[in-house]
């Protein structure tokens, strides 16, 4: 699988400059001028999954996603809420588990900033 290497020149939410890889699906990593979401690869261990114990994933769906990710990479980033430098994942549970089971260190995330009140809302 072809890959694109990108060097981040600035620190972004606690991540210092380092190389990250984008899969060959052509989705760039960027920080939009509009202040909208940022798309980055984030280490799996940096993402808290507060609803993981209350929901279970479909094993067949995870298996199918693992095969797809092996062949063509992740096509749709998971949504992550950043509150005071901590990342919370409330969607993309199957994609997240597929990355874990494949032993991948990072996952592509669409990061939105939020407040503690936003976090409380998602926890309900």
PDB file of N, CA and C in Angstrom:
ATOM      1  N   UNK A   1       0.854  -1.171   0.000  1.00  0.00           N
ATOM      2  CA  UNK A   1       0.000   0.000   0.000  1.00  0.00           C
ATOM      3  C   UNK A   1       0.894   1.225   0.000  1.00  0.00           C
ATOM      4  N   UNK A   2       0.625   2.116  -0.922  1.00  0.00           N
ATOM      5  CA  UNK A   2       1.381   3.362  -0.983  1.00  0.00           C
ATOM      6  C   UNK A   2       1.016   4.232   0.203  1.00  0.00           C
ATOM      7  N   UNK A   3       1.966   5.035   0.632  1.00  0.00           N
ATOM      8  CA  UNK A   3       1.668   5.917   1.750  1.00  0.00           C
ATOM      9  C   UNK A   3       2.309   7.268   1.525  1.00  0.00           C
ATOM     10  N   UNK A   4       1.774   8.243   2.176  1.00  0.00           N
ATOM     11  CA  UNK A   4       2.251   9.617   2.105  1.00  0.00           C
ATOM     12  C   UNK A   4       2.798   9.962   3.469  1.00  0.00           C
ATOM     13  N   UNK A   5       3.987  10.539   3.510  1.00  0.00           N
ATOM     14  CA  UNK A   5       4.529  10.954   4.796  1.00  0.00           C
ATOM     15  C   UNK A   5       4.416  12.457   4.892  1.00  0.00           C
ATOM     16  N   UNK A   6       4.018  12.915   6.048  1.00  0.00           N
ATOM     17  CA  UNK A   6       3.783  14.331   6.279  1.00  0.00           C
ATOM     18  C   UNK A   6       4.484  14.716   7.552  1.00  0.00           C
ATOM     19  N   UNK A   7       5.198  15.803   7.535  1.00  0.00           N
ATOM     20  CA  UNK A   7       5.888  16.280   8.723  1.00  0.00           C
ATOM     21  C   UNK A   7       5.087  17.417   9.307  1.00  0.00           C
ATOM     22  N   UNK A   8       4.654  17.294  10.549  1.00  0.00           N
ATOM     23  CA  UNK A   8       3.946  18.386  11.203  1.00  0.00           C
ATOM     24  C   UNK A   8       4.978  19.354  11.738  1.00  0.00           C
ATOM     25  N   UNK A   9       4.838  20.628  11.408  1.00  0.00           N
ATOM     26  CA  UNK A   9       5.847  21.593  11.797  1.00  0.00           C
ATOM     27  C   UNK A   9       5.509  22.307  13.090  1.00  0.00           C
ATOM     28  N   UNK A  10       4.354  22.072  13.632  1.00  0.00           N
ATOM     29  CA  UNK A  10       3.983  22.755  14.862  1.00  0.00           C
ATOM     30  C   UNK A  10       3.406  21.771  15.856  1.00  0.00           C
ATOM     31  N   UNK A  11       3.402  22.154  17.090  1.00  0.00           N
ATOM     32  CA  UNK A  11       2.800  21.323  18.124  1.00  0.00           C
ATOM     33  C   UNK A  11       1.298  21.528  18.071  1.00  0.00           C
ATOM     34  N   UNK A  12       0.545  20.437  18.107  1.00  0.00           N
ATOM     35  CA  UNK A  12      -0.906  20.512  18.031  1.00  0.00           C
ATOM     36  C   UNK A  12      -1.486  19.693  19.159  1.00  0.00           C
ATOM     37  N   UNK A  13      -2.093  20.352  20.125  1.00  0.00           N
ATOM     38  CA  UNK A  13      -2.747  19.684  21.246  1.00  0.00           C
ATOM     39  C   UNK A  13      -1.856  18.651  21.918  1.00  0.00           C
ATOM     40  N   UNK A  14      -0.631  19.051  22.232  1.00  0.00           N
ATOM     41  CA  UNK A  14       0.240  18.164  22.980  1.00  0.00           C
ATOM     42  C   UNK A  14       1.038  17.184  22.146  1.00  0.00           C
ATOM     43  N   UNK A  15       0.881  17.174  20.844  1.00  0.00           N
ATOM     44  CA  UNK A  15       1.663  16.312  19.989  1.00  0.00           C
ATOM     45  C   UNK A  15       2.775  17.136  19.379  1.00  0.00           C
ATOM     46  N   UNK A  16       4.021  16.811  19.684  1.00  0.00           N
ATOM     47  CA  UNK A  16       5.133  17.571  19.123  1.00  0.00           C
ATOM     48  C   UNK A  16       5.388  17.120  17.689  1.00  0.00           C
ATOM     49  N   UNK A  17       6.240  17.830  16.997  1.00  0.00           N
ATOM     50  CA  UNK A  17       6.540  17.538  15.602  1.00  0.00           C
ATOM     51  C   UNK A  17       7.003  16.099  15.439  1.00  0.00           C
ATOM     52  N   UNK A  18       6.402  15.401  14.511  1.00  0.00           N
ATOM     53  CA  UNK A  18       6.776  14.035  14.212  1.00  0.00           C
ATOM     54  C   UNK A  18       6.206  13.643  12.867  1.00  0.00           C
ATOM     55  N   UNK A  19       6.670  12.533  12.360  1.00  0.00           N
ATOM     56  CA  UNK A  19       6.148  12.047  11.085  1.00  0.00           C
ATOM     57  C   UNK A  19       4.910  11.202  11.320  1.00  0.00           C
ATOM     58  N   UNK A  20       3.925  11.396  10.460  1.00  0.00           N
ATOM     59  CA  UNK A  20       2.731  10.562  10.498  1.00  0.00           C
ATOM     60  C   UNK A  20       2.467  10.086   9.078  1.00  0.00           C
ATOM     61  N   UNK A  21       1.709   9.043   8.956  1.00  0.00           N
ATOM     62  CA  UNK A  21       1.451   8.465   7.636  1.00  0.00           C
ATOM     63  C   UNK A  21      -0.030   8.549   7.305  1.00  0.00           C
ATOM     64  N   UNK A  22      -0.306   8.859   6.063  1.00  0.00           N
ATOM     65  CA  UNK A  22      -1.682   8.833   5.572  1.00  0.00           C
ATOM     66  C   UNK A  22      -1.790   7.643   4.636  1.00  0.00           C
ATOM     67  N   UNK A  23      -2.902   6.938   4.679  1.00  0.00           N
ATOM     68  CA  UNK A  23      -3.061   5.830   3.752  1.00  0.00           C
ATOM     69  C   UNK A  23      -3.279   6.388   2.350  1.00  0.00           C
ATOM     70  N   UNK A  24      -3.190   5.546   1.365  1.00  0.00           N
ATOM     71  CA  UNK A  24      -3.233   5.987  -0.021  1.00  0.00           C
ATOM     72  C   UNK A  24      -4.623   6.386  -0.497  1.00  0.00           C
ATOM     73  N   UNK A  25      -5.585   6.509   0.433  1.00  0.00           N
ATOM     74  CA  UNK A  25      -6.919   6.904   0.003  1.00  0.00           C
ATOM     75  C   UNK A  25      -6.998   8.391  -0.309  1.00  0.00           C
ATOM     76  N   UNK A  26      -5.918   9.128  -0.086  1.00  0.00           N
ATOM     77  CA  UNK A  26      -5.861  10.525  -0.489  1.00  0.00           C
ATOM     78  C   UNK A  26      -6.445  11.507   0.498  1.00  0.00           C
ATOM     79  N   UNK A  27      -6.917  11.057   1.654  1.00  0.00           N
ATOM     80  CA  UNK A  27      -7.477  11.986   2.628  1.00  0.00           C
ATOM     81  C   UNK A  27      -6.316  12.661   3.343  1.00  0.00           C
ATOM     82  N   UNK A  28      -6.178  13.978   3.191  1.00  0.00           N
ATOM     83  CA  UNK A  28      -5.035  14.652   3.818  1.00  0.00           C
ATOM     84  C   UNK A  28      -5.287  14.911   5.292  1.00  0.00           C
ATOM     85  N   UNK A  29      -4.203  15.162   5.995  1.00  0.00           N
ATOM     86  CA  UNK A  29      -4.284  15.624   7.363  1.00  0.00           C
ATOM     87  C   UNK A  29      -4.243  17.139   7.263  1.00  0.00           C
ATOM     88  N   UNK A  30      -5.141  17.825   7.938  1.00  0.00           N
ATOM     89  CA  UNK A  30      -5.154  19.273   7.793  1.00  0.00           C
ATOM     90  C   UNK A  30      -5.762  19.962   8.991  1.00  0.00           C
ATOM     91  N   UNK A  31      -5.455  21.239   9.089  1.00  0.00           N
ATOM     92  CA  UNK A  31      -6.077  22.103  10.081  1.00  0.00           C
ATOM     93  C   UNK A  31      -6.780  23.184   9.288  1.00  0.00           C
ATOM     94  N   UNK A  32      -8.086  23.109   9.143  1.00  0.00           N
ATOM     95  CA  UNK A  32      -8.800  24.064   8.299  1.00  0.00           C
ATOM     96  C   UNK A  32      -8.753  25.475   8.875  1.00  0.00           C
ATOM     97  N   UNK A  33      -8.742  26.443   7.985  1.00  0.00           N
ATOM     98  CA  UNK A  33      -8.724  27.849   8.381  1.00  0.00           C
ATOM     99  C   UNK A  33     -10.031  28.254   9.056  1.00  0.00           C
ATOM    100  N   UNK A  34     -11.103  27.545   8.787  1.00  0.00           N
ATOM    101  CA  UNK A  34     -12.420  27.901   9.304  1.00  0.00           C
ATOM    102  C   UNK A  34     -12.584  27.603  10.792  1.00  0.00           C
ATOM    103  N   UNK A  35     -11.595  26.946  11.385  1.00  0.00           N
ATOM    104  CA  UNK A  35     -11.724  26.570  12.779  1.00  0.00           C
ATOM    105  C   UNK A  35     -12.532  25.298  12.969  1.00  0.00           C
ATOM    106  N   UNK A  36     -12.828  24.610  11.877  1.00  0.00           N
ATOM    107  CA  UNK A  36     -13.584  23.359  11.941  1.00  0.00           C
ATOM    108  C   UNK A  36     -12.728  22.225  12.479  1.00  0.00           C
ATOM    109  N   UNK A  37     -13.180  20.998  12.287  1.00  0.00           N
ATOM    110  CA  UNK A  37     -12.443  19.857  12.842  1.00  0.00           C
ATOM    111  C   UNK A  37     -11.073  19.686  12.187  1.00  0.00           C
ATOM    112  N   UNK A  38     -10.160  19.119  12.952  1.00  0.00           N
ATOM    113  CA  UNK A  38      -8.821  18.779  12.492  1.00  0.00           C
ATOM    114  C   UNK A  38      -8.811  17.277  12.271  1.00  0.00           C
ATOM    115  N   UNK A  39      -8.121  16.816  11.237  1.00  0.00           N
ATOM    116  CA  UNK A  39      -8.005  15.387  10.993  1.00  0.00           C
ATOM    117  C   UNK A  39      -6.548  14.987  11.214  1.00  0.00           C
ATOM    118  N   UNK A  40      -6.347  14.088  12.181  1.00  0.00           N
ATOM    119  CA  UNK A  40      -5.007  13.617  12.549  1.00  0.00           C
ATOM    120  C   UNK A  40      -5.046  12.149  12.926  1.00  0.00           C
ATOM    121  N   UNK A  41      -3.889  11.505  12.846  1.00  0.00           N
ATOM    122  CA  UNK A  41      -3.730  10.180  13.419  1.00  0.00           C
ATOM    123  C   UNK A  41      -3.386  10.370  14.884  1.00  0.00           C
ATOM    124  N   UNK A  42      -4.116   9.713  15.771  1.00  0.00           N
ATOM    125  CA  UNK A  42      -3.895   9.810  17.208  1.00  0.00           C
ATOM    126  C   UNK A  42      -3.597   8.410  17.737  1.00  0.00           C
ATOM    127  N   UNK A  43      -2.631   8.281  18.642  1.00  0.00           N
ATOM    128  CA  UNK A  43      -2.372   6.967  19.240  1.00  0.00           C
ATOM    129  C   UNK A  43      -3.621   6.436  19.946  1.00  0.00           C
ATOM    130  N   UNK A  44      -3.895   5.164  19.748  1.00  0.00           N
ATOM    131  CA  UNK A  44      -5.087   4.554  20.345  1.00  0.00           C
ATOM    132  C   UNK A  44      -5.130   4.742  21.855  1.00  0.00           C
ATOM    133  N   UNK A  45      -3.971   4.643  22.510  1.00  0.00           N
ATOM    134  CA  UNK A  45      -3.972   4.738  23.970  1.00  0.00           C
ATOM    135  C   UNK A  45      -4.264   6.141  24.473  1.00  0.00           C
ATOM    136  N   UNK A  46      -4.272   7.141  23.587  1.00  0.00           N
ATOM    137  CA  UNK A  46      -4.590   8.520  23.984  1.00  0.00           C
ATOM    138  C   UNK A  46      -6.093   8.813  23.923  1.00  0.00           C
ATOM    139  N   UNK A  47      -6.877   7.857  23.427  1.00  0.00           N
ATOM    140  CA  UNK A  47      -8.312   8.068  23.250  1.00  0.00           C
ATOM    141  C   UNK A  47      -9.077   7.318  24.333  1.00  0.00           C
ATOM    142  N   UNK A  48      -9.827   8.047  25.128  1.00  0.00           N
ATOM    143  CA  UNK A  48     -10.668   7.433  26.161  1.00  0.00           C
ATOM    144  C   UNK A  48     -11.984   7.009  25.516  1.00  0.00           C
ATOM    145  N   UNK A  49     -12.462   5.834  25.871  1.00  0.00           N
ATOM    146  CA  UNK A  49     -13.713   5.286  25.342  1.00  0.00           C
ATOM    147  C   UNK A  49     -14.686   5.120  26.497  1.00  0.00           C
ATOM    148  N   UNK A  50     -15.319   6.206  26.949  1.00  0.00           N
ATOM    149  CA  UNK A  50     -16.134   6.141  28.159  1.00  0.00           C
ATOM    150  C   UNK A  50     -17.370   5.257  28.076  1.00  0.00           C
ATOM    151  N   UNK A  51     -17.863   4.950  26.895  1.00  0.00           N
ATOM    152  CA  UNK A  51     -19.075   4.129  26.777  1.00  0.00           C
ATOM    153  C   UNK A  51     -18.762   2.691  26.402  1.00  0.00           C
ATOM    154  N   UNK A  52     -17.475   2.325  26.395  1.00  0.00           N
ATOM    155  CA  UNK A  52     -17.070   1.004  25.941  1.00  0.00           C
ATOM    156  C   UNK A  52     -17.727  -0.115  26.747  1.00  0.00           C
ATOM    157  N   UNK A  53     -17.917   0.069  28.025  1.00  0.00           N
ATOM    158  CA  UNK A  53     -18.482  -0.995  28.863  1.00  0.00           C
ATOM    159  C   UNK A  53     -19.981  -1.181  28.666  1.00  0.00           C
ATOM    160  N   UNK A  54     -20.645  -0.181  28.115  1.00  0.00           N
ATOM    161  CA  UNK A  54     -22.101  -0.268  27.982  1.00  0.00           C
ATOM    162  C   UNK A  54     -22.546  -0.727  26.601  1.00  0.00           C
ATOM    163  N   UNK A  55     -21.622  -0.816  25.676  1.00  0.00           N
ATOM    164  CA  UNK A  55     -21.971  -1.217  24.310  1.00  0.00           C
ATOM    165  C   UNK A  55     -21.039  -2.335  23.856  1.00  0.00           C
ATOM    166  N   UNK A  56     -21.576  -3.251  23.076  1.00  0.00           N
ATOM    167  CA  UNK A  56     -20.718  -4.302  22.532  1.00  0.00           C
ATOM    168  C   UNK A  56     -20.726  -4.206  21.009  1.00  0.00           C
ATOM    169  N   UNK A  57     -19.614  -4.585  20.421  1.00  0.00           N
ATOM    170  CA  UNK A  57     -19.470  -4.526  18.970  1.00  0.00           C
ATOM    171  C   UNK A  57     -19.880  -5.851  18.336  1.00  0.00           C
ATOM    172  N   UNK A  58     -20.322  -5.775  17.098  1.00  0.00           N
ATOM    173  CA  UNK A  58     -20.646  -6.948  16.305  1.00  0.00           C
ATOM    174  C   UNK A  58     -19.329  -7.557  15.810  1.00  0.00           C
ATOM    175  N   UNK A  59     -18.984  -8.769  16.272  1.00  0.00           N
ATOM    176  CA  UNK A  59     -17.699  -9.374  15.895  1.00  0.00           C
ATOM    177  C   UNK A  59     -17.515  -9.522  14.385  1.00  0.00           C
ATOM    178  N   UNK A  60     -18.585  -9.815  13.658  1.00  0.00           N
ATOM    179  CA  UNK A  60     -18.486  -9.958  12.203  1.00  0.00           C
ATOM    180  C   UNK A  60     -18.153  -8.620  11.538  1.00  0.00           C
ATOM    181  N   UNK A  61     -18.765  -7.556  12.024  1.00  0.00           N
ATOM    182  CA  UNK A  61     -18.485  -6.232  11.473  1.00  0.00           C
ATOM    183  C   UNK A  61     -17.030  -5.848  11.733  1.00  0.00           C
ATOM    184  N   UNK A  62     -16.536  -6.152  12.939  1.00  0.00           N
ATOM    185  CA  UNK A  62     -15.131  -5.859  13.260  1.00  0.00           C
ATOM    186  C   UNK A  62     -14.213  -6.653  12.342  1.00  0.00           C
ATOM    187  N   UNK A  63     -14.528  -7.922  12.131  1.00  0.00           N
ATOM    188  CA  UNK A  63     -13.714  -8.778  11.256  1.00  0.00           C
ATOM    189  C   UNK A  63     -13.696  -8.217   9.828  1.00  0.00           C
ATOM    190  N   UNK A  64     -14.850  -7.826   9.308  1.00  0.00           N
ATOM    191  CA  UNK A  64     -14.925  -7.256   7.959  1.00  0.00           C
ATOM    192  C   UNK A  64     -14.125  -5.952   7.863  1.00  0.00           C
ATOM    193  N   UNK A  65     -14.227  -5.122   8.894  1.00  0.00           N
ATOM    194  CA  UNK A  65     -13.465  -3.873   8.906  1.00  0.00           C
ATOM    195  C   UNK A  65     -11.966  -4.138   8.961  1.00  0.00           C
ATOM    196  N   UNK A  66     -11.556  -5.140   9.722  1.00  0.00           N
ATOM    197  CA  UNK A  66     -10.133  -5.479   9.795  1.00  0.00           C
ATOM    198  C   UNK A  66      -9.603  -5.822   8.409  1.00  0.00           C
ATOM    199  N   UNK A  67     -10.343  -6.610   7.674  1.00  0.00           N
ATOM    200  CA  UNK A  67      -9.915  -6.990   6.326  1.00  0.00           C
ATOM    201  C   UNK A  67      -9.863  -5.766   5.407  1.00  0.00           C
ATOM    202  N   UNK A  68     -10.864  -4.926   5.489  1.00  0.00           N
ATOM    203  CA  UNK A  68     -10.902  -3.712   4.668  1.00  0.00           C
ATOM    204  C   UNK A  68      -9.730  -2.775   5.005  1.00  0.00           C
ATOM    205  N   UNK A  69      -9.476  -2.585   6.285  1.00  0.00           N
ATOM    206  CA  UNK A  69      -8.387  -1.697   6.707  1.00  0.00           C
ATOM    207  C   UNK A  69      -7.047  -2.267   6.261  1.00  0.00           C
ATOM    208  N   UNK A  70      -6.890  -3.593   6.321  1.00  0.00           N
ATOM    209  CA  UNK A  70      -5.661  -4.229   5.834  1.00  0.00           C
ATOM    210  C   UNK A  70      -5.441  -3.939   4.354  1.00  0.00           C
ATOM    211  N   UNK A  71      -6.532  -4.001   3.583  1.00  0.00           N
ATOM    212  CA  UNK A  71      -6.414  -3.878   2.138  1.00  0.00           C
ATOM    213  C   UNK A  71      -6.336  -2.433   1.659  1.00  0.00           C
ATOM    214  N   UNK A  72      -7.199  -1.550   2.189  1.00  0.00           N
ATOM    215  CA  UNK A  72      -7.267  -0.191   1.617  1.00  0.00           C
ATOM    216  C   UNK A  72      -7.107   0.925   2.641  1.00  0.00           C
ATOM    217  N   UNK A  73      -6.908   0.575   3.898  1.00  0.00           N
ATOM    218  CA  UNK A  73      -6.759   1.595   4.931  1.00  0.00           C
ATOM    219  C   UNK A  73      -8.113   2.084   5.425  1.00  0.00           C
ATOM    220  N   UNK A  74      -8.061   2.876   6.461  1.00  0.00           N
ATOM    221  CA  UNK A  74      -9.287   3.430   7.037  1.00  0.00           C
ATOM    222  C   UNK A  74      -9.835   4.498   6.111  1.00  0.00           C
ATOM    223  N   UNK A  75     -11.078   4.376   5.712  1.00  0.00           N
ATOM    224  CA  UNK A  75     -11.674   5.310   4.756  1.00  0.00           C
ATOM    225  C   UNK A  75     -12.399   6.473   5.421  1.00  0.00           C
ATOM    226  N   UNK A  76     -12.871   6.280   6.636  1.00  0.00           N
ATOM    227  CA  UNK A  76     -13.638   7.316   7.328  1.00  0.00           C
ATOM    228  C   UNK A  76     -13.076   7.479   8.732  1.00  0.00           C
ATOM    229  N   UNK A  77     -12.561   8.670   9.059  1.00  0.00           N
ATOM    230  CA  UNK A  77     -12.014   8.859  10.405  1.00  0.00           C
ATOM    231  C   UNK A  77     -13.089   8.725  11.477  1.00  0.00           C
ATOM    232  N   UNK A  78     -12.670   8.345  12.673  1.00  0.00           N
ATOM    233  CA  UNK A  78     -13.622   8.327  13.784  1.00  0.00           C
ATOM    234  C   UNK A  78     -13.742   9.751  14.326  1.00  0.00           C
ATOM    235  N   UNK A  79     -14.846  10.050  14.962  1.00  0.00           N
ATOM    236  CA  UNK A  79     -15.053  11.363  15.571  1.00  0.00           C
ATOM    237  C   UNK A  79     -14.540  11.331  17.002  1.00  0.00           C
ATOM    238  N   UNK A  80     -13.742  12.336  17.343  1.00  0.00           N
ATOM    239  CA  UNK A  80     -13.168  12.433  18.675  1.00  0.00           C
ATOM    240  C   UNK A  80     -13.447  13.826  19.216  1.00  0.00           C
ATOM    241  N   UNK A  81     -13.823  13.890  20.475  1.00  0.00           N
ATOM    242  CA  UNK A  81     -14.047  15.154  21.158  1.00  0.00           C
ATOM    243  C   UNK A  81     -12.826  15.434  22.023  1.00  0.00           C
ATOM    244  N   UNK A  82     -12.220  16.609  21.846  1.00  0.00           N
ATOM    245  CA  UNK A  82     -11.087  17.002  22.676  1.00  0.00           C
ATOM    246  C   UNK A  82     -11.561  18.007  23.711  1.00  0.00           C
ATOM    247  N   UNK A  83     -11.379  17.662  24.979  1.00  0.00           N
ATOM    248  CA  UNK A  83     -11.742  18.538  26.087  1.00  0.00           C
ATOM    249  C   UNK A  83     -10.501  18.717  26.950  1.00  0.00           C
ATOM    250  N   UNK A  84     -10.010  19.923  26.990  1.00  0.00           N
ATOM    251  CA  UNK A  84      -8.834  20.264  27.795  1.00  0.00           C
ATOM    252  C   UNK A  84      -7.670  19.315  27.550  1.00  0.00           C
ATOM    253  N   UNK A  85      -7.408  19.015  26.286  1.00  0.00           N
ATOM    254  CA  UNK A  85      -6.260  18.194  25.918  1.00  0.00           C
ATOM    255  C   UNK A  85      -6.460  16.696  26.029  1.00  0.00           C
ATOM    256  N   UNK A  86      -7.656  16.252  26.423  1.00  0.00           N
ATOM    257  CA  UNK A  86      -7.956  14.821  26.539  1.00  0.00           C
ATOM    258  C   UNK A  86      -8.924  14.456  25.422  1.00  0.00           C
ATOM    259  N   UNK A  87      -8.663  13.326  24.754  1.00  0.00           N
ATOM    260  CA  UNK A  87      -9.479  12.884  23.624  1.00  0.00           C
ATOM    261  C   UNK A  87     -10.482  11.827  24.069  1.00  0.00           C
ATOM    262  N   UNK A  88     -11.752  12.026  23.670  1.00  0.00           N
ATOM    263  CA  UNK A  88     -12.837  11.108  24.003  1.00  0.00           C
ATOM    264  C   UNK A  88     -13.480  10.619  22.705  1.00  0.00           C
ATOM    265  N   UNK A  89     -13.611   9.304  22.564  1.00  0.00           N
ATOM    266  CA  UNK A  89     -14.240   8.729  21.394  1.00  0.00           C
ATOM    267  C   UNK A  89     -15.612   8.191  21.727  1.00  0.00           C
ATOM    268  N   UNK A  90     -16.614   8.680  21.009  1.00  0.00           N
ATOM    269  CA  UNK A  90     -17.992   8.226  21.239  1.00  0.00           C
ATOM    270  C   UNK A  90     -18.570   7.523  20.014  1.00  0.00           C
ATOM    271  N   UNK A  91     -17.874   7.588  18.905  1.00  0.00           N
ATOM    272  CA  UNK A  91     -18.350   6.912  17.690  1.00  0.00           C
ATOM    273  C   UNK A  91     -17.188   6.108  17.115  1.00  0.00           C
ATOM    274  N   UNK A  92     -17.461   5.344  16.092  1.00  0.00           N
ATOM    275  CA  UNK A  92     -16.400   4.575  15.441  1.00  0.00           C
ATOM    276  C   UNK A  92     -15.915   3.398  16.261  1.00  0.00           C
ATOM    277  N   UNK A  93     -16.797   2.839  17.083  1.00  0.00           N
ATOM    278  CA  UNK A  93     -16.402   1.745  17.985  1.00  0.00           C
ATOM    279  C   UNK A  93     -15.853   0.534  17.228  1.00  0.00           C
ATOM    280  N   UNK A  94     -16.502   0.171  16.127  1.00  0.00           N
ATOM    281  CA  UNK A  94     -16.049  -0.985  15.349  1.00  0.00           C
ATOM    282  C   UNK A  94     -14.700  -0.697  14.694  1.00  0.00           C
ATOM    283  N   UNK A  95     -14.534   0.511  14.151  1.00  0.00           N
ATOM    284  CA  UNK A  95     -13.260   0.883  13.524  1.00  0.00           C
ATOM    285  C   UNK A  95     -12.143   0.926  14.564  1.00  0.00           C
ATOM    286  N   UNK A  96     -12.459   1.443  15.750  1.00  0.00           N
ATOM    287  CA  UNK A  96     -11.478   1.508  16.834  1.00  0.00           C
ATOM    288  C   UNK A  96     -11.032   0.095  17.229  1.00  0.00           C
ATOM    289  N   UNK A  97     -11.987  -0.812  17.437  1.00  0.00           N
ATOM    290  CA  UNK A  97     -11.641  -2.185  17.811  1.00  0.00           C
ATOM    291  C   UNK A  97     -10.858  -2.886  16.705  1.00  0.00           C
ATOM    292  N   UNK A  98     -11.222  -2.643  15.455  1.00  0.00           N
ATOM    293  CA  UNK A  98     -10.485  -3.249  14.341  1.00  0.00           C
ATOM    294  C   UNK A  98      -9.020  -2.802  14.361  1.00  0.00           C
ATOM    295  N   UNK A  99      -8.778  -1.524  14.619  1.00  0.00           N
ATOM    296  CA  UNK A  99      -7.406  -1.028  14.725  1.00  0.00           C
ATOM    297  C   UNK A  99      -6.670  -1.693  15.886  1.00  0.00           C
ATOM    298  N   UNK A 100      -7.348  -1.836  17.020  1.00  0.00           N
ATOM    299  CA  UNK A 100      -6.729  -2.497  18.180  1.00  0.00           C
ATOM    300  C   UNK A 100      -6.343  -3.929  17.834  1.00  0.00           C
ATOM    301  N   UNK A 101      -7.266  -4.653  17.246  1.00  0.00           N
ATOM    302  CA  UNK A 101      -7.025  -6.073  16.951  1.00  0.00           C
ATOM    303  C   UNK A 101      -5.966  -6.262  15.876  1.00  0.00           C
ATOM    304  N   UNK A 102      -5.826  -5.275  14.986  1.00  0.00           N
ATOM    305  CA  UNK A 102      -4.779  -5.336  13.968  1.00  0.00           C
ATOM    306  C   UNK A 102      -3.414  -4.931  14.532  1.00  0.00           C
ATOM    307  N   UNK A 103      -3.408  -4.396  15.753  1.00  0.00           N
ATOM    308  CA  UNK A 103      -2.154  -3.966  16.359  1.00  0.00           C
ATOM    309  C   UNK A 103      -1.643  -2.643  15.814  1.00  0.00           C
ATOM    310  N   UNK A 104      -2.537  -1.846  15.247  1.00  0.00           N
ATOM    311  CA  UNK A 104      -2.129  -0.553  14.708  1.00  0.00           C
ATOM    312  C   UNK A 104      -1.980   0.448  15.853  1.00  0.00           C
ATOM    313  N   UNK A 105      -0.941   1.249  15.845  1.00  0.00           N
ATOM    314  CA  UNK A 105      -0.702   2.156  16.975  1.00  0.00           C
ATOM    315  C   UNK A 105      -1.574   3.405  16.968  1.00  0.00           C
ATOM    316  N   UNK A 106      -2.053   3.814  15.793  1.00  0.00           N
ATOM    317  CA  UNK A 106      -2.827   5.061  15.691  1.00  0.00           C
ATOM    318  C   UNK A 106      -4.089   4.835  14.874  1.00  0.00           C
ATOM    319  N   UNK A 107      -4.997   5.800  14.963  1.00  0.00           N
ATOM    320  CA  UNK A 107      -6.216   5.784  14.156  1.00  0.00           C
ATOM    321  C   UNK A 107      -6.503   7.206  13.699  1.00  0.00           C
ATOM    322  N   UNK A 108      -6.967   7.338  12.477  1.00  0.00           N
ATOM    323  CA  UNK A 108      -7.306   8.656  11.933  1.00  0.00           C
ATOM    324  C   UNK A 108      -8.575   9.157  12.606  1.00  0.00           C
ATOM    325  N   UNK A 109      -8.506  10.404  13.095  1.00  0.00           N
ATOM    326  CA  UNK A 109      -9.606  10.992  13.856  1.00  0.00           C
ATOM    327  C   UNK A 109      -9.980  12.359  13.321  1.00  0.00           C
ATOM    328  N   UNK A 110     -11.268  12.628  13.344  1.00  0.00           N
ATOM    329  CA  UNK A 110     -11.778  13.979  13.105  1.00  0.00           C
ATOM    330  C   UNK A 110     -11.975  14.569  14.493  1.00  0.00           C
ATOM    331  N   UNK A 111     -11.168  15.564  14.821  1.00  0.00           N
ATOM    332  CA  UNK A 111     -11.135  16.100  16.179  1.00  0.00           C
ATOM    333  C   UNK A 111     -11.944  17.379  16.258  1.00  0.00           C
ATOM    334  N   UNK A 112     -12.875  17.396  17.175  1.00  0.00           N
ATOM    335  CA  UNK A 112     -13.644  18.604  17.475  1.00  0.00           C
ATOM    336  C   UNK A 112     -13.343  18.992  18.912  1.00  0.00           C
ATOM    337  N   UNK A 113     -13.186  20.280  19.154  1.00  0.00           N
ATOM    338  CA  UNK A 113     -12.951  20.759  20.509  1.00  0.00           C
ATOM    339  C   UNK A 113     -14.283  20.958  21.206  1.00  0.00           C
ATOM    340  N   UNK A 114     -14.299  20.688  22.502  1.00  0.00           N
ATOM    341  CA  UNK A 114     -15.513  20.862  23.277  1.00  0.00           C
ATOM    342  C   UNK A 114     -15.199  21.291  24.692  1.00  0.00           C
ATOM    343  N   UNK A 115     -16.249  21.586  25.423  1.00  0.00           N
ATOM    344  CA  UNK A 115     -16.132  21.985  26.822  1.00  0.00           C
ATOM    345  C   UNK A 115     -16.505  20.806  27.707  1.00  0.00           C
ATOM    346  N   UNK A 116     -16.318  20.969  29.007  1.00  0.00           N
ATOM    347  CA  UNK A 116     -16.742  19.923  29.936  1.00  0.00           C
ATOM    348  C   UNK A 116     -18.249  19.699  29.847  1.00  0.00           C
ATOM    349  N   UNK A 117     -18.999  20.767  29.583  1.00  0.00           N
ATOM    350  CA  UNK A 117     -20.452  20.643  29.420  1.00  0.00           C
ATOM    351  C   UNK A 117     -20.787  19.785  28.195  1.00  0.00           C
ATOM    352  N   UNK A 118     -20.044  19.968  27.102  1.00  0.00           N
ATOM    353  CA  UNK A 118     -20.240  19.140  25.910  1.00  0.00           C
ATOM    354  C   UNK A 118     -19.970  17.670  26.253  1.00  0.00           C
ATOM    355  N   UNK A 119     -18.911  17.428  27.005  1.00  0.00           N
ATOM    356  CA  UNK A 119     -18.574  16.077  27.415  1.00  0.00           C
ATOM    357  C   UNK A 119     -19.692  15.475  28.267  1.00  0.00           C
ATOM    358  N   UNK A 120     -20.199  16.228  29.216  1.00  0.00           N
ATOM    359  CA  UNK A 120     -21.309  15.747  30.056  1.00  0.00           C
ATOM    360  C   UNK A 120     -22.516  15.375  29.185  1.00  0.00           C
ATOM    361  N   UNK A 121     -22.794  16.190  28.177  1.00  0.00           N
ATOM    362  CA  UNK A 121     -23.918  15.922  27.270  1.00  0.00           C
ATOM    363  C   UNK A 121     -23.728  14.571  26.566  1.00  0.00           C
ATOM    364  N   UNK A 122     -22.512  14.298  26.101  1.00  0.00           N
ATOM    365  CA  UNK A 122     -22.238  13.033  25.406  1.00  0.00           C
ATOM    366  C   UNK A 122     -22.296  11.845  26.347  1.00  0.00           C
ATOM    367  N   UNK A 123     -22.042  12.060  27.610  1.00  0.00           N
ATOM    368  CA  UNK A 123     -22.035  10.976  28.596  1.00  0.00           C
ATOM    369  C   UNK A 123     -23.441  10.545  28.998  1.00  0.00           C
ATOM    370  N   UNK A 124     -24.448  11.352  28.701  1.00  0.00           N
ATOM    371  CA  UNK A 124     -25.827  11.016  29.101  1.00  0.00           C
ATOM    372  C   UNK A 124     -26.369   9.867  28.324  1.00  0.00           C
TER     373      UNK A 124
END
